[in-house]
Amino acid sequence: MQERAGLKNQVVGTTLCGGNVDARVFAQVLSGP
């Protein structure tokens, strides 16, 4: 990963998407703890 040095000390996120997500579980995850 050549981008690793450029991302050092930065906050990054990953977007997970798909049509096979259970709506109830997805809503629970989005609602937080």
Protein backbone atom coordinates (compact mmCIF):
# COMPACT_ATOMS: atom_id res chain seq x y z
CA MET A 1 0.00 0.00 0.00
CA GLN A 2 1.76 3.09 -1.19
CA GLU A 3 -0.98 5.30 0.27
CA ARG A 4 -0.15 4.22 3.81
CA ALA A 5 2.44 6.97 4.35
CA GLY A 6 0.00 9.62 3.14
CA LEU A 7 -2.73 8.38 5.47
CA LYS A 8 -0.56 8.32 8.58
CA ASN A 9 -2.21 10.04 11.57
CA GLN A 10 -5.47 10.51 9.66
CA VAL A 11 -8.88 9.04 10.33
CA VAL A 12 -10.20 6.91 7.50
CA GLY A 13 -13.41 4.98 7.09
CA THR A 14 -14.71 2.13 4.99
CA THR A 15 -18.15 2.06 3.45
CA LEU A 16 -19.80 -1.33 3.39
CA CYS A 17 -22.84 -1.64 1.20
CA GLY A 18 -24.94 -4.34 -0.27
CA GLY A 19 -28.49 -5.46 -0.84
CA ASN A 20 -28.16 -8.47 1.44
CA VAL A 21 -28.20 -6.53 4.72
CA ASP A 22 -30.98 -7.46 7.13
CA ALA A 23 -33.01 -4.29 7.73
CA ARG A 24 -33.46 -4.96 11.46
CA VAL A 25 -29.73 -5.51 12.04
CA PHE A 26 -28.84 -2.50 9.89
CA ALA A 27 -31.19 -0.26 11.88
CA GLN A 28 -29.71 -1.55 15.14
CA VAL A 29 -26.17 -0.78 13.96
CA LEU A 30 -27.13 2.72 12.86
CA SER A 31 -28.88 3.47 16.15
CA GLY A 32 -25.61 2.95 18.04
CA PRO A 33 -25.02 1.49 21.49
